[in-house]
Amino acid sequence: MQKLKQFLHEVRVELKKVVFPSRDELLGSTQVVIISVLIMSVFLGVIDLVLSRLIQAVLR
């Protein structure tokens, strides 16, 4: 039981050190992630299209 109390005390101490992002920081980070995912998906889509057309041309 003592180990559980010690663990919970240490958890509380560590949680006081955590700095949560503000709403503006969170929204900014979310926008960066969404834009990055869109750019990567377009890039991979173009690469997939080019490679599939190249393979089709080689197989003909």
PDB file of N, CA and C in Angstrom:
ATOM      1  N   MET A   1       0.821  -1.185   0.000  1.00  0.00           N
ATOM      2  CA  MET A   1       0.000   0.000   0.000  1.00  0.00           C
ATOM      3  C   MET A   1       0.873   1.260   0.000  1.00  0.00           C
ATOM      4  N   GLN A   2       1.986   1.180   0.686  1.00  0.00           N
ATOM      5  CA  GLN A   2       2.898   2.328   0.764  1.00  0.00           C
ATOM      6  C   GLN A   2       3.479   2.650  -0.607  1.00  0.00           C
ATOM      7  N   LYS A   3       3.780   1.627  -1.394  1.00  0.00           N
ATOM      8  CA  LYS A   3       4.340   1.855  -2.734  1.00  0.00           C
ATOM      9  C   LYS A   3       3.331   2.549  -3.635  1.00  0.00           C
ATOM     10  N   LEU A   4       2.051   2.192  -3.487  1.00  0.00           N
ATOM     11  CA  LEU A   4       1.000   2.836  -4.282  1.00  0.00           C
ATOM     12  C   LEU A   4       0.887   4.308  -3.920  1.00  0.00           C
ATOM     13  N   LYS A   5       0.918   4.627  -2.632  1.00  0.00           N
ATOM     14  CA  LYS A   5       0.860   6.027  -2.196  1.00  0.00           C
ATOM     15  C   LYS A   5       2.053   6.805  -2.730  1.00  0.00           C
ATOM     16  N   GLN A   6       3.232   6.201  -2.673  1.00  0.00           N
ATOM     17  CA  GLN A   6       4.443   6.849  -3.168  1.00  0.00           C
ATOM     18  C   GLN A   6       4.339   7.095  -4.671  1.00  0.00           C
ATOM     19  N   PHE A   7       3.841   6.102  -5.394  1.00  0.00           N
ATOM     20  CA  PHE A   7       3.685   6.236  -6.838  1.00  0.00           C
ATOM     21  C   PHE A   7       2.720   7.383  -7.170  1.00  0.00           C
ATOM     22  N   LEU A   8       1.576   7.413  -6.521  1.00  0.00           N
ATOM     23  CA  LEU A   8       0.590   8.458  -6.789  1.00  0.00           C
ATOM     24  C   LEU A   8       1.125   9.844  -6.428  1.00  0.00           C
ATOM     25  N   HIS A   9       1.905   9.912  -5.361  1.00  0.00           N
ATOM     26  CA  HIS A   9       2.531  11.189  -4.995  1.00  0.00           C
ATOM     27  C   HIS A   9       3.498  11.646  -6.075  1.00  0.00           C
ATOM     28  N   GLU A  10       4.305  10.716  -6.589  1.00  0.00           N
ATOM     29  CA  GLU A  10       5.257  11.065  -7.638  1.00  0.00           C
ATOM     30  C   GLU A  10       4.550  11.454  -8.928  1.00  0.00           C
ATOM     31  N   VAL A  11       3.437  10.797  -9.216  1.00  0.00           N
ATOM     32  CA  VAL A  11       2.653  11.160 -10.400  1.00  0.00           C
ATOM     33  C   VAL A  11       2.153  12.587 -10.269  1.00  0.00           C
ATOM     34  N   ARG A  12       1.623  12.942  -9.114  1.00  0.00           N
ATOM     35  CA  ARG A  12       1.122  14.298  -8.880  1.00  0.00           C
ATOM     36  C   ARG A  12       2.246  15.333  -9.023  1.00  0.00           C
ATOM     37  N   VAL A  13       3.415  15.018  -8.482  1.00  0.00           N
ATOM     38  CA  VAL A  13       4.560  15.936  -8.580  1.00  0.00           C
ATOM     39  C   VAL A  13       4.956  16.138 -10.044  1.00  0.00           C
ATOM     40  N   GLU A  14       5.007  15.056 -10.805  1.00  0.00           N
ATOM     41  CA  GLU A  14       5.389  15.161 -12.220  1.00  0.00           C
ATOM     42  C   GLU A  14       4.341  15.902 -13.033  1.00  0.00           C
ATOM     43  N   LEU A  15       3.071  15.693 -12.730  1.00  0.00           N
ATOM     44  CA  LEU A  15       2.013  16.385 -13.470  1.00  0.00           C
ATOM     45  C   LEU A  15       2.040  17.893 -13.244  1.00  0.00           C
ATOM     46  N   LYS A  16       2.554  18.325 -12.108  1.00  0.00           N
ATOM     47  CA  LYS A  16       2.676  19.764 -11.863  1.00  0.00           C
ATOM     48  C   LYS A  16       3.732  20.394 -12.758  1.00  0.00           C
ATOM     49  N   LYS A  17       4.653  19.592 -13.281  1.00  0.00           N
ATOM     50  CA  LYS A  17       5.712  20.089 -14.155  1.00  0.00           C
ATOM     51  C   LYS A  17       5.259  20.202 -15.609  1.00  0.00           C
ATOM     52  N   VAL A  18       4.140  19.568 -15.939  1.00  0.00           N
ATOM     53  CA  VAL A  18       3.661  19.541 -17.320  1.00  0.00           C
ATOM     54  C   VAL A  18       3.124  20.910 -17.715  1.00  0.00           C
ATOM     55  N   VAL A  19       3.511  21.359 -18.905  1.00  0.00           N
ATOM     56  CA  VAL A  19       3.006  22.619 -19.441  1.00  0.00           C
ATOM     57  C   VAL A  19       2.127  22.281 -20.635  1.00  0.00           C
ATOM     58  N   PHE A  20       0.836  22.523 -20.496  1.00  0.00           N
ATOM     59  CA  PHE A  20      -0.093  22.230 -21.564  1.00  0.00           C
ATOM     60  C   PHE A  20      -0.138  23.413 -22.529  1.00  0.00           C
ATOM     61  N   PRO A  21      -0.312  23.157 -23.831  1.00  0.00           N
ATOM     62  CA  PRO A  21      -0.330  24.252 -24.797  1.00  0.00           C
ATOM     63  C   PRO A  21      -1.591  25.100 -24.654  1.00  0.00           C
ATOM     64  N   SER A  22      -1.449  26.362 -25.030  1.00  0.00           N
ATOM     65  CA  SER A  22      -2.614  27.243 -25.022  1.00  0.00           C
ATOM     66  C   SER A  22      -3.499  26.894 -26.215  1.00  0.00           C
ATOM     67  N   ARG A  23      -4.672  27.468 -26.252  1.00  0.00           N
ATOM     68  CA  ARG A  23      -5.602  27.195 -27.353  1.00  0.00           C
ATOM     69  C   ARG A  23      -5.002  27.639 -28.682  1.00  0.00           C
ATOM     70  N   ASP A  24      -4.353  28.806 -28.702  1.00  0.00           N
ATOM     71  CA  ASP A  24      -3.744  29.299 -29.941  1.00  0.00           C
ATOM     72  C   ASP A  24      -2.619  28.397 -30.417  1.00  0.00           C
ATOM     73  N   GLU A  25      -1.772  27.930 -29.485  1.00  0.00           N
ATOM     74  CA  GLU A  25      -0.693  27.018 -29.848  1.00  0.00           C
ATOM     75  C   GLU A  25      -1.250  25.699 -30.387  1.00  0.00           C
ATOM     76  N   LEU A  26      -2.305  25.219 -29.766  1.00  0.00           N
ATOM     77  CA  LEU A  26      -2.917  23.966 -30.191  1.00  0.00           C
ATOM     78  C   LEU A  26      -3.512  24.093 -31.589  1.00  0.00           C
ATOM     79  N   LEU A  27      -4.214  25.186 -31.849  1.00  0.00           N
ATOM     80  CA  LEU A  27      -4.797  25.404 -33.171  1.00  0.00           C
ATOM     81  C   LEU A  27      -3.706  25.561 -34.233  1.00  0.00           C
ATOM     82  N   GLY A  28      -2.631  26.271 -33.902  1.00  0.00           N
ATOM     83  CA  GLY A  28      -1.522  26.440 -34.842  1.00  0.00           C
ATOM     84  C   GLY A  28      -0.863  25.118 -35.171  1.00  0.00           C
ATOM     85  N   SER A  29      -0.629  24.304 -34.166  1.00  0.00           N
ATOM     86  CA  SER A  29      -0.020  22.996 -34.396  1.00  0.00           C
ATOM     87  C   SER A  29      -0.936  22.099 -35.221  1.00  0.00           C
ATOM     88  N   THR A  30      -2.226  22.170 -34.955  1.00  0.00           N
ATOM     89  CA  THR A  30      -3.186  21.371 -35.710  1.00  0.00           C
ATOM     90  C   THR A  30      -3.183  21.772 -37.178  1.00  0.00           C
ATOM     91  N   GLN A  31      -3.119  23.058 -37.445  1.00  0.00           N
ATOM     92  CA  GLN A  31      -3.076  23.536 -38.832  1.00  0.00           C
ATOM     93  C   GLN A  31      -1.819  23.045 -39.536  1.00  0.00           C
ATOM     94  N   VAL A  32      -0.698  23.078 -38.853  1.00  0.00           N
ATOM     95  CA  VAL A  32       0.551  22.607 -39.443  1.00  0.00           C
ATOM     96  C   VAL A  32       0.449  21.129 -39.789  1.00  0.00           C
ATOM     97  N   VAL A  33      -0.123  20.335 -38.898  1.00  0.00           N
ATOM     98  CA  VAL A  33      -0.257  18.899 -39.145  1.00  0.00           C
ATOM     99  C   VAL A  33      -1.177  18.650 -40.330  1.00  0.00           C
ATOM    100  N   ILE A  34      -2.316  19.324 -40.374  1.00  0.00           N
ATOM    101  CA  ILE A  34      -3.270  19.109 -41.466  1.00  0.00           C
ATOM    102  C   ILE A  34      -2.660  19.502 -42.808  1.00  0.00           C
ATOM    103  N   ILE A  35      -1.991  20.636 -42.861  1.00  0.00           N
ATOM    104  CA  ILE A  35      -1.357  21.087 -44.107  1.00  0.00           C
ATOM    105  C   ILE A  35      -0.254  20.110 -44.528  1.00  0.00           C
ATOM    106  N   SER A  36       0.543  19.647 -43.566  1.00  0.00           N
ATOM    107  CA  SER A  36       1.607  18.688 -43.880  1.00  0.00           C
ATOM    108  C   SER A  36       1.044  17.393 -44.431  1.00  0.00           C
ATOM    109  N   VAL A  37      -0.029  16.906 -43.841  1.00  0.00           N
ATOM    110  CA  VAL A  37      -0.650  15.664 -44.314  1.00  0.00           C
ATOM    111  C   VAL A  37      -1.202  15.856 -45.725  1.00  0.00           C
ATOM    112  N   LEU A  38      -1.833  16.985 -45.993  1.00  0.00           N
ATOM    113  CA  LEU A  38      -2.357  17.244 -47.331  1.00  0.00           C
ATOM    114  C   LEU A  38      -1.244  17.300 -48.371  1.00  0.00           C
ATOM    115  N   ILE A  39      -0.157  17.986 -48.045  1.00  0.00           N
ATOM    116  CA  ILE A  39       0.967  18.089 -48.976  1.00  0.00           C
ATOM    117  C   ILE A  39       1.560  16.710 -49.249  1.00  0.00           C
ATOM    118  N   MET A  40       1.766  15.919 -48.190  1.00  0.00           N
ATOM    119  CA  MET A  40       2.342  14.582 -48.372  1.00  0.00           C
ATOM    120  C   MET A  40       1.404  13.672 -49.158  1.00  0.00           C
ATOM    121  N   SER A  41       0.099  13.783 -48.941  1.00  0.00           N
ATOM    122  CA  SER A  41      -0.823  12.914 -49.668  1.00  0.00           C
ATOM    123  C   SER A  41      -0.865  13.275 -51.152  1.00  0.00           C
ATOM    124  N   VAL A  42      -0.808  14.561 -51.476  1.00  0.00           N
ATOM    125  CA  VAL A  42      -0.759  14.967 -52.882  1.00  0.00           C
ATOM    126  C   VAL A  42       0.549  14.486 -53.511  1.00  0.00           C
ATOM    127  N   PHE A  43       1.648  14.655 -52.806  1.00  0.00           N
ATOM    128  CA  PHE A  43       2.946  14.215 -53.304  1.00  0.00           C
ATOM    129  C   PHE A  43       2.949  12.710 -53.580  1.00  0.00           C
ATOM    130  N   LEU A  44       2.485  11.930 -52.603  1.00  0.00           N
ATOM    131  CA  LEU A  44       2.460  10.482 -52.785  1.00  0.00           C
ATOM    132  C   LEU A  44       1.482  10.064 -53.870  1.00  0.00           C
ATOM    133  N   GLY A  45       0.380  10.775 -54.007  1.00  0.00           N
ATOM    134  CA  GLY A  45      -0.566  10.485 -55.072  1.00  0.00           C
ATOM    135  C   GLY A  45       0.045  10.701 -56.442  1.00  0.00           C
ATOM    136  N   VAL A  46       0.789  11.798 -56.601  1.00  0.00           N
ATOM    137  CA  VAL A  46       1.455  12.084 -57.875  1.00  0.00           C
ATOM    138  C   VAL A  46       2.515  11.027 -58.166  1.00  0.00           C
ATOM    139  N   ILE A  47       3.308  10.684 -57.171  1.00  0.00           N
ATOM    140  CA  ILE A  47       4.337   9.655 -57.361  1.00  0.00           C
ATOM    141  C   ILE A  47       3.689   8.328 -57.754  1.00  0.00           C
ATOM    142  N   ASP A  48       2.598   7.963 -57.094  1.00  0.00           N
ATOM    143  CA  ASP A  48       1.890   6.720 -57.410  1.00  0.00           C
ATOM    144  C   ASP A  48       1.367   6.741 -58.846  1.00  0.00           C
ATOM    145  N   LEU A  49       0.809   7.851 -59.245  1.00  0.00           N
ATOM    146  CA  LEU A  49       0.282   7.977 -60.606  1.00  0.00           C
ATOM    147  C   LEU A  49       1.402   7.850 -61.638  1.00  0.00           C
ATOM    148  N   VAL A  50       2.509   8.540 -61.419  1.00  0.00           N
ATOM    149  CA  VAL A  50       3.633   8.491 -62.349  1.00  0.00           C
ATOM    150  C   VAL A  50       4.202   7.076 -62.438  1.00  0.00           C
ATOM    151  N   LEU A  51       4.402   6.440 -61.302  1.00  0.00           N
ATOM    152  CA  LEU A  51       4.976   5.094 -61.319  1.00  0.00           C
ATOM    153  C   LEU A  51       4.024   4.082 -61.947  1.00  0.00           C
ATOM    154  N   SER A  52       2.736   4.206 -61.710  1.00  0.00           N
ATOM    155  CA  SER A  52       1.799   3.254 -62.318  1.00  0.00           C
ATOM    156  C   SER A  52       1.746   3.437 -63.830  1.00  0.00           C
ATOM    157  N   ARG A  53       1.797   4.672 -64.290  1.00  0.00           N
ATOM    158  CA  ARG A  53       1.824   4.909 -65.744  1.00  0.00           C
ATOM    159  C   ARG A  53       3.127   4.395 -66.349  1.00  0.00           C
ATOM    160  N   LEU A  54       4.228   4.555 -65.644  1.00  0.00           N
ATOM    161  CA  LEU A  54       5.525   4.064 -66.121  1.00  0.00           C
ATOM    162  C   LEU A  54       5.513   2.540 -66.218  1.00  0.00           C
ATOM    163  N   ILE A  55       4.980   1.886 -65.217  1.00  0.00           N
ATOM    164  CA  ILE A  55       4.925   0.420 -65.236  1.00  0.00           C
ATOM    165  C   ILE A  55       4.001  -0.057 -66.361  1.00  0.00           C
ATOM    166  N   GLN A  56       2.878   0.614 -66.559  1.00  0.00           N
ATOM    167  CA  GLN A  56       1.979   0.239 -67.653  1.00  0.00           C
ATOM    168  C   GLN A  56       2.680   0.396 -69.013  1.00  0.00           C
ATOM    169  N   ALA A  57       3.455   1.459 -69.164  1.00  0.00           N
ATOM    170  CA  ALA A  57       4.176   1.682 -70.438  1.00  0.00           C
ATOM    171  C   ALA A  57       5.228   0.610 -70.652  1.00  0.00           C
ATOM    172  N   VAL A  58       5.899   0.189 -69.592  1.00  0.00           N
ATOM    173  CA  VAL A  58       6.926  -0.844 -69.718  1.00  0.00           C
ATOM    174  C   VAL A  58       6.311  -2.193 -70.047  1.00  0.00           C
ATOM    175  N   LEU A  59       5.160  -2.504 -69.494  1.00  0.00           N
ATOM    176  CA  LEU A  59       4.534  -3.794 -69.711  1.00  0.00           C
ATOM    177  C   LEU A  59       3.840  -3.913 -71.067  1.00  0.00           C
ATOM    178  N   ARG A  60       3.630  -2.828 -71.763  1.00  0.00           N
ATOM    179  CA  ARG A  60       2.972  -2.886 -73.088  1.00  0.00           C
ATOM    180  C   ARG A  60       3.930  -3.256 -74.151  1.00  0.00           C
TER     181      ARG A  60
END
